[in-house]
Every structure is written in structure tokens, then in C-alpha cells.
PDB file of all heavy atoms in Angstrom:
ATOM      1  N   LEU A   1      92.432 110.109  98.419  1.00  0.00           N
ATOM      2  CA  LEU A   1      92.118 110.394  99.811  1.00  0.00           C
ATOM      3  C   LEU A   1      93.335 110.298 100.727  1.00  0.00           C
ATOM      4  O   LEU A   1      93.589 111.188 101.543  1.00  0.00           O
ATOM      5  CB  LEU A   1      91.034 109.435 100.305  1.00  0.00           C
ATOM      6  CG  LEU A   1      90.665 109.542 101.788  1.00  0.00           C
ATOM      7  CD1 LEU A   1      90.018 110.891 102.078  1.00  0.00           C
ATOM      8  CD2 LEU A   1      89.739 108.405 102.199  1.00  0.00           C
ATOM      9  N   SER A   2      94.109 109.239 100.616  1.00  0.00           N
ATOM     10  CA  SER A   2      95.199 109.003 101.573  1.00  0.00           C
ATOM     11  C   SER A   2      96.565 109.465 101.075  1.00  0.00           C
ATOM     12  O   SER A   2      97.553 109.350 101.797  1.00  0.00           O
ATOM     13  CB  SER A   2      95.266 107.504 101.917  1.00  0.00           C
ATOM     14  OG  SER A   2      95.613 106.759 100.759  1.00  0.00           O
ATOM     15  N   HIS A   3      96.641 109.978  99.845  1.00  0.00           N
ATOM     16  CA  HIS A   3      97.944 110.351  99.277  1.00  0.00           C
ATOM     17  C   HIS A   3      98.435 111.627  99.955  1.00  0.00           C
ATOM     18  O   HIS A   3      97.869 112.709  99.773  1.00  0.00           O
ATOM     19  CB  HIS A   3      97.805 110.546  97.774  1.00  0.00           C
ATOM     20  CG  HIS A   3      99.111 110.530  97.042  1.00  0.00           C
ATOM     21  ND1 HIS A   3     100.198 109.801  97.456  1.00  0.00           N
ATOM     22  CD2 HIS A   3      99.496 111.165  95.901  1.00  0.00           C
ATOM     23  CE1 HIS A   3     101.200 109.971  96.619  1.00  0.00           C
ATOM     24  NE2 HIS A   3     100.795 110.797  95.673  1.00  0.00           N
ATOM     25  N   MET A   4      99.510 111.497 100.753  1.00  0.00           N
ATOM     26  CA  MET A   4      99.983 112.633 101.534  1.00  0.00           C
ATOM     27  C   MET A   4     101.414 112.392 101.985  1.00  0.00           C
ATOM     28  O   MET A   4     101.975 111.316 101.771  1.00  0.00           O
ATOM     29  CB  MET A   4      99.089 112.848 102.762  1.00  0.00           C
ATOM     30  CG  MET A   4      98.822 111.590 103.610  1.00  0.00           C
ATOM     31  SD  MET A   4     100.155 111.045 104.694  1.00  0.00           S
ATOM     32  CE  MET A   4     100.063 112.324 105.949  1.00  0.00           C
ATOM     33  N   CYS A   5     101.996 113.436 102.570  1.00  0.00           N
ATOM     34  CA  CYS A   5     103.308 113.301 103.184  1.00  0.00           C
ATOM     35  C   CYS A   5     103.265 113.928 104.577  1.00  0.00           C
ATOM     36  O   CYS A   5     102.426 114.786 104.866  1.00  0.00           O
ATOM     37  CB  CYS A   5     104.395 113.959 102.332  1.00  0.00           C
ATOM     38  SG  CYS A   5     104.224 115.749 102.148  1.00  0.00           S
ATOM     39  N   ASP A   6     104.162 113.468 105.423  1.00  0.00           N
ATOM     40  CA  ASP A   6     104.276 114.007 106.775  1.00  0.00           C
ATOM     41  C   ASP A   6     105.743 114.005 107.183  1.00  0.00           C
ATOM     42  O   ASP A   6     106.424 112.990 107.003  1.00  0.00           O
ATOM     43  CB  ASP A   6     103.459 113.175 107.765  1.00  0.00           C
ATOM     44  CG  ASP A   6     103.380 113.845 109.129  1.00  0.00           C
ATOM     45  OD1 ASP A   6     102.538 114.755 109.264  1.00  0.00           O
ATOM     46  OD2 ASP A   6     104.183 113.499 110.005  1.00  0.00           O
ATOM     47  N   PRO A   7     106.278 115.118 107.698  1.00  0.00           N
ATOM     48  CA  PRO A   7     105.572 116.354 108.029  1.00  0.00           C
ATOM     49  C   PRO A   7     104.901 116.985 106.802  1.00  0.00           C
ATOM     50  O   PRO A   7     105.350 116.790 105.674  1.00  0.00           O
ATOM     51  CB  PRO A   7     106.690 117.265 108.573  1.00  0.00           C
ATOM     52  CG  PRO A   7     107.806 116.354 108.945  1.00  0.00           C
ATOM     53  CD  PRO A   7     107.723 115.204 108.015  1.00  0.00           C
ATOM     54  N   PRO A   8     103.842 117.770 107.067  1.00  0.00           N
ATOM     55  CA  PRO A   8     103.166 118.454 105.961  1.00  0.00           C
ATOM     56  C   PRO A   8     104.123 119.360 105.207  1.00  0.00           C
ATOM     57  O   PRO A   8     105.108 119.848 105.757  1.00  0.00           O
ATOM     58  CB  PRO A   8     102.075 119.261 106.664  1.00  0.00           C
ATOM     59  CG  PRO A   8     101.858 118.577 107.961  1.00  0.00           C
ATOM     60  CD  PRO A   8     103.198 118.033 108.362  1.00  0.00           C
ATOM     61  N   CYS A   9     103.792 119.569 103.934  1.00  0.00           N
ATOM     62  CA  CYS A   9     104.648 120.387 103.069  1.00  0.00           C
ATOM     63  C   CYS A   9     103.771 121.363 102.286  1.00  0.00           C
ATOM     64  O   CYS A   9     102.914 120.935 101.507  1.00  0.00           O
ATOM     65  CB  CYS A   9     105.419 119.482 102.114  1.00  0.00           C
ATOM     66  SG  CYS A   9     106.452 120.345 100.928  1.00  0.00           S
ATOM     67  N   PRO A  10     103.971 122.670 102.467  1.00  0.00           N
ATOM     68  CA  PRO A  10     103.167 123.648 101.723  1.00  0.00           C
ATOM     69  C   PRO A  10     103.261 123.461 100.210  1.00  0.00           C
ATOM     70  O   PRO A  10     102.267 123.686  99.500  1.00  0.00           O
ATOM     71  CB  PRO A  10     103.755 124.993 102.155  1.00  0.00           C
ATOM     72  CG  PRO A  10     104.335 124.736 103.509  1.00  0.00           C
ATOM     73  CD  PRO A  10     104.870 123.331 103.449  1.00  0.00           C
ATOM     74  N   ALA A  11     104.423 123.032  99.719  1.00  0.00           N
ATOM     75  CA  ALA A  11     104.566 122.821  98.275  1.00  0.00           C
ATOM     76  C   ALA A  11     103.665 121.684  97.800  1.00  0.00           C
ATOM     77  O   ALA A  11     103.051 121.765  96.730  1.00  0.00           O
ATOM     78  CB  ALA A  11     106.024 122.523  97.936  1.00  0.00           C
ATOM     79  N   TRP A  12     103.581 120.614  98.588  1.00  0.00           N
ATOM     80  CA  TRP A  12     102.686 119.507  98.237  1.00  0.00           C
ATOM     81  C   TRP A  12     101.245 120.020  98.168  1.00  0.00           C
ATOM     82  O   TRP A  12     100.534 119.744  97.200  1.00  0.00           O
ATOM     83  CB  TRP A  12     102.805 118.406  99.284  1.00  0.00           C
ATOM     84  CG  TRP A  12     101.904 117.213  99.041  1.00  0.00           C
ATOM     85  CD1 TRP A  12     100.542 117.197  99.053  1.00  0.00           C
ATOM     86  CD2 TRP A  12     102.309 115.873  98.748  1.00  0.00           C
ATOM     87  NE1 TRP A  12     100.058 115.935  98.802  1.00  0.00           N
ATOM     88  CE2 TRP A  12     101.123 115.101  98.612  1.00  0.00           C
ATOM     89  CE3 TRP A  12     103.546 115.237  98.621  1.00  0.00           C
ATOM     90  CZ2 TRP A  12     101.166 113.730  98.329  1.00  0.00           C
ATOM     91  CZ3 TRP A  12     103.567 113.873  98.339  1.00  0.00           C
ATOM     92  CH2 TRP A  12     102.399 113.140  98.195  1.00  0.00           C
ATOM     93  N   ASP A  13     100.831 120.764  99.189  1.00  0.00           N
ATOM     94  CA  ASP A  13      99.444 121.248  99.244  1.00  0.00           C
ATOM     95  C   ASP A  13      99.115 122.139  98.060  1.00  0.00           C
ATOM     96  O   ASP A  13      98.046 122.012  97.446  1.00  0.00           O
ATOM     97  CB  ASP A  13      99.205 122.001 100.553  1.00  0.00           C
ATOM     98  CG  ASP A  13      99.318 121.098 101.775  1.00  0.00           C
ATOM     99  OD1 ASP A  13      99.223 119.862 101.616  1.00  0.00           O
ATOM    100  OD2 ASP A  13      99.520 121.633 102.874  1.00  0.00           O
ATOM    101  N   ARG A  14     100.020 123.042  97.735  1.00  0.00           N
ATOM    102  CA  ARG A  14      99.773 123.958  96.615  1.00  0.00           C
ATOM    103  C   ARG A  14      99.771 123.201  95.282  1.00  0.00           C
ATOM    104  O   ARG A  14      98.921 123.452  94.420  1.00  0.00           O
ATOM    105  CB  ARG A  14     100.838 125.063  96.603  1.00  0.00           C
ATOM    106  CG  ARG A  14     100.792 125.983  95.397  1.00  0.00           C
ATOM    107  CD  ARG A  14      99.477 126.724  95.278  1.00  0.00           C
ATOM    108  NE  ARG A  14      99.480 127.594  94.096  1.00  0.00           N
ATOM    109  CZ  ARG A  14      98.432 127.766  93.300  1.00  0.00           C
ATOM    110  NH1 ARG A  14      97.282 127.135  93.541  1.00  0.00           N
ATOM    111  NH2 ARG A  14      98.523 128.556  92.246  1.00  0.00           N
ATOM    112  N   LEU A  15     100.685 122.267  95.111  1.00  0.00           N
ATOM    113  CA  LEU A  15     100.719 121.480  93.880  1.00  0.00           C
ATOM    114  C   LEU A  15      99.446 120.647  93.734  1.00  0.00           C
ATOM    115  O   LEU A  15      98.934 120.466  92.626  1.00  0.00           O
ATOM    116  CB  LEU A  15     101.949 120.577  93.854  1.00  0.00           C
ATOM    117  CG  LEU A  15     103.273 121.285  93.560  1.00  0.00           C
ATOM    118  CD1 LEU A  15     104.454 120.362  93.817  1.00  0.00           C
ATOM    119  CD2 LEU A  15     103.303 121.808  92.122  1.00  0.00           C
ATOM    120  N   PHE A  16      98.932 120.152  94.869  1.00  0.00           N
ATOM    121  CA  PHE A  16      97.700 119.370  94.773  1.00  0.00           C
ATOM    122  C   PHE A  16      96.518 120.262  94.401  1.00  0.00           C
ATOM    123  O   PHE A  16      95.623 119.838  93.662  1.00  0.00           O
ATOM    124  CB  PHE A  16      97.431 118.625  96.076  1.00  0.00           C
ATOM    125  CG  PHE A  16      96.328 117.611  95.950  1.00  0.00           C
ATOM    126  CD1 PHE A  16      96.445 116.560  95.053  1.00  0.00           C
ATOM    127  CD2 PHE A  16      95.166 117.721  96.698  1.00  0.00           C
ATOM    128  CE1 PHE A  16      95.415 115.628  94.911  1.00  0.00           C
ATOM    129  CE2 PHE A  16      94.142 116.792  96.566  1.00  0.00           C
ATOM    130  CZ  PHE A  16      94.269 115.747  95.672  1.00  0.00           C
ATOM    131  N   GLU A  17      96.499 121.497  94.884  1.00  0.00           N
ATOM    132  CA  GLU A  17      95.464 122.445  94.463  1.00  0.00           C
ATOM    133  C   GLU A  17      95.491 122.630  92.950  1.00  0.00           C
ATOM    134  O   GLU A  17      94.453 122.636  92.279  1.00  0.00           O
ATOM    135  CB  GLU A  17      95.680 123.799  95.138  1.00  0.00           C
ATOM    136  CG  GLU A  17      95.338 123.847  96.607  1.00  0.00           C
ATOM    137  CD  GLU A  17      95.620 125.227  97.194  1.00  0.00           C
ATOM    138  OE1 GLU A  17      96.033 126.121  96.431  1.00  0.00           O
ATOM    139  OE2 GLU A  17      95.432 125.403  98.416  1.00  0.00           O
ATOM    140  N   ILE A  18      96.693 122.799  92.421  1.00  0.00           N
ATOM    141  CA  ILE A  18      96.856 122.978  90.971  1.00  0.00           C
ATOM    142  C   ILE A  18      96.408 121.730  90.225  1.00  0.00           C
ATOM    143  O   ILE A  18      95.697 121.797  89.216  1.00  0.00           O
ATOM    144  CB  ILE A  18      98.331 123.312  90.649  1.00  0.00           C
ATOM    145  CG1 ILE A  18      98.709 124.658  91.260  1.00  0.00           C
ATOM    146  CG2 ILE A  18      98.569 123.312  89.143  1.00  0.00           C
ATOM    147  CD1 ILE A  18     100.203 124.910  91.312  1.00  0.00           C
ATOM    148  N   PHE A  19      96.831 120.575  90.739  1.00  0.00           N
ATOM    149  CA  PHE A  19      96.512 119.305  90.086  1.00  0.00           C
ATOM    150  C   PHE A  19      95.005 119.055  90.092  1.00  0.00           C
ATOM    151  O   PHE A  19      94.436 118.591  89.097  1.00  0.00           O
ATOM    152  CB  PHE A  19      97.252 118.179  90.802  1.00  0.00           C
ATOM    153  CG  PHE A  19      97.254 116.869  90.061  1.00  0.00           C
ATOM    154  CD1 PHE A  19      97.627 116.804  88.732  1.00  0.00           C
ATOM    155  CD2 PHE A  19      96.894 115.696  90.706  1.00  0.00           C
ATOM    156  CE1 PHE A  19      97.641 115.595  88.049  1.00  0.00           C
ATOM    157  CE2 PHE A  19      96.899 114.482  90.037  1.00  0.00           C
ATOM    158  CZ  PHE A  19      97.282 114.430  88.702  1.00  0.00           C
ATOM    159  N   GLN A  20      94.350 119.379  91.209  1.00  0.00           N
ATOM    160  CA  GLN A  20      92.899 119.222  91.285  1.00  0.00           C
ATOM    161  C   GLN A  20      92.182 120.142  90.302  1.00  0.00           C
ATOM    162  O   GLN A  20      91.242 119.731  89.626  1.00  0.00           O
ATOM    163  CB  GLN A  20      92.406 119.520  92.702  1.00  0.00           C
ATOM    164  CG  GLN A  20      92.550 118.384  93.679  1.00  0.00           C
ATOM    165  CD  GLN A  20      91.858 118.695  94.993  1.00  0.00           C
ATOM    166  OE1 GLN A  20      92.289 119.558  95.740  1.00  0.00           O
ATOM    167  NE2 GLN A  20      90.778 117.993  95.272  1.00  0.00           N
ATOM    168  N   ALA A  21      92.625 121.399  90.224  1.00  0.00           N
ATOM    169  CA  ALA A  21      92.000 122.344  89.303  1.00  0.00           C
ATOM    170  C   ALA A  21      92.163 121.879  87.857  1.00  0.00           C
ATOM    171  O   ALA A  21      91.211 121.924  87.062  1.00  0.00           O
ATOM    172  CB  ALA A  21      92.606 123.731  89.489  1.00  0.00           C
ATOM    173  N   TYR A  22      93.353 121.424  87.533  1.00  0.00           N
ATOM    174  CA  TYR A  22      93.629 120.907  86.183  1.00  0.00           C
ATOM    175  C   TYR A  22      92.739 119.700  85.892  1.00  0.00           C
ATOM    176  O   TYR A  22      92.117 119.612  84.824  1.00  0.00           O
ATOM    177  CB  TYR A  22      95.106 120.536  86.080  1.00  0.00           C
ATOM    178  CG  TYR A  22      95.471 119.803  84.813  1.00  0.00           C
ATOM    179  CD1 TYR A  22      95.844 120.501  83.670  1.00  0.00           C
ATOM    180  CD2 TYR A  22      95.445 118.409  84.755  1.00  0.00           C
ATOM    181  CE1 TYR A  22      96.178 119.833  82.503  1.00  0.00           C
ATOM    182  CE2 TYR A  22      95.777 117.737  83.597  1.00  0.00           C
ATOM    183  CZ  TYR A  22      96.136 118.448  82.471  1.00  0.00           C
ATOM    184  OH  TYR A  22      96.460 117.778  81.321  1.00  0.00           O
ATOM    185  N   SER A  23      92.662 118.768  86.833  1.00  0.00           N
ATOM    186  CA  SER A  23      91.888 117.536  86.632  1.00  0.00           C
ATOM    187  C   SER A  23      90.406 117.835  86.470  1.00  0.00           C
ATOM    188  O   SER A  23      89.737 117.280  85.583  1.00  0.00           O
ATOM    189  CB  SER A  23      92.119 116.576  87.806  1.00  0.00           C
ATOM    190  OG  SER A  23      93.479 116.216  87.904  1.00  0.00           O
ATOM    191  N   ARG A  24      89.877 118.730  87.315  1.00  0.00           N
ATOM    192  CA  ARG A  24      88.454 119.095  87.201  1.00  0.00           C
ATOM    193  C   ARG A  24      88.165 119.690  85.829  1.00  0.00           C
ATOM    194  O   ARG A  24      87.134 119.388  85.222  1.00  0.00           O
ATOM    195  CB  ARG A  24      88.076 120.092  88.299  1.00  0.00           C
ATOM    196  CG  ARG A  24      87.821 119.459  89.662  1.00  0.00           C
ATOM    197  CD  ARG A  24      87.119 120.434  90.589  1.00  0.00           C
ATOM    198  NE  ARG A  24      87.939 121.615  90.849  1.00  0.00           N
ATOM    199  CZ  ARG A  24      88.765 121.745  91.879  1.00  0.00           C
ATOM    200  NH1 ARG A  24      88.877 120.763  92.764  1.00  0.00           N
ATOM    201  NH2 ARG A  24      89.466 122.846  92.048  1.00  0.00           N
ATOM    202  N   ALA A  25      89.066 120.527  85.354  1.00  0.00           N
ATOM    203  CA  ALA A  25      88.857 121.162  84.042  1.00  0.00           C
ATOM    204  C   ALA A  25      88.853 120.136  82.913  1.00  0.00           C
ATOM    205  O   ALA A  25      88.208 120.345  81.880  1.00  0.00           O
ATOM    206  CB  ALA A  25      89.951 122.205  83.791  1.00  0.00           C
ATOM    207  N   LYS A  26      89.555 119.026  83.120  1.00  0.00           N
ATOM    208  CA  LYS A  26      89.621 117.970  82.106  1.00  0.00           C
ATOM    209  C   LYS A  26      88.552 116.906  82.317  1.00  0.00           C
ATOM    210  O   LYS A  26      88.496 115.915  81.578  1.00  0.00           O
ATOM    211  CB  LYS A  26      90.999 117.306  82.124  1.00  0.00           C
ATOM    212  CG  LYS A  26      92.160 118.264  81.900  1.00  0.00           C
ATOM    213  CD  LYS A  26      92.075 118.967  80.561  1.00  0.00           C
ATOM    214  CE  LYS A  26      93.241 119.929  80.352  1.00  0.00           C
ATOM    215  NZ  LYS A  26      93.137 120.677  79.075  1.00  0.00           N
ATOM    216  N   GLY A  27      87.699 117.088  83.339  1.00  0.00           N
ATOM    217  CA  GLY A  27      86.635 116.129  83.604  1.00  0.00           C
ATOM    218  C   GLY A  27      87.090 114.874  84.309  1.00  0.00           C
ATOM    219  O   GLY A  27      86.408 113.843  84.269  1.00  0.00           O
ATOM    220  N   VAL A  28      88.242 114.942  84.988  1.00  0.00           N
ATOM    221  CA  VAL A  28      88.813 113.773  85.671  1.00  0.00           C
ATOM    222  C   VAL A  28      88.516 113.851  87.162  1.00  0.00           C
ATOM    223  O   VAL A  28      88.737 114.886  87.798  1.00  0.00           O
ATOM    224  CB  VAL A  28      90.339 113.703  85.428  1.00  0.00           C
ATOM    225  CG1 VAL A  28      90.983 112.634  86.292  1.00  0.00           C
ATOM    226  CG2 VAL A  28      90.628 113.452  83.947  1.00  0.00           C
TER     227      VAL A  28
END
């Protein structure tokens, strides 16, 4: 929930999208 950086970074946001998709696929 709180894991973030500021100023915002588009690379962080996109990497987190990838990480979430990967984790969901693995049941995590």
C-alpha cells in the first residue's frame, strides 16, 4: 500500500503494473 516514491516516476508505475500482473499469475 505505502511503497512509493516522490516525485512520482512513470517507470516505477509501469514496473509495478508488471510486478502486479506477474504476482497475480503466480497466485501471490
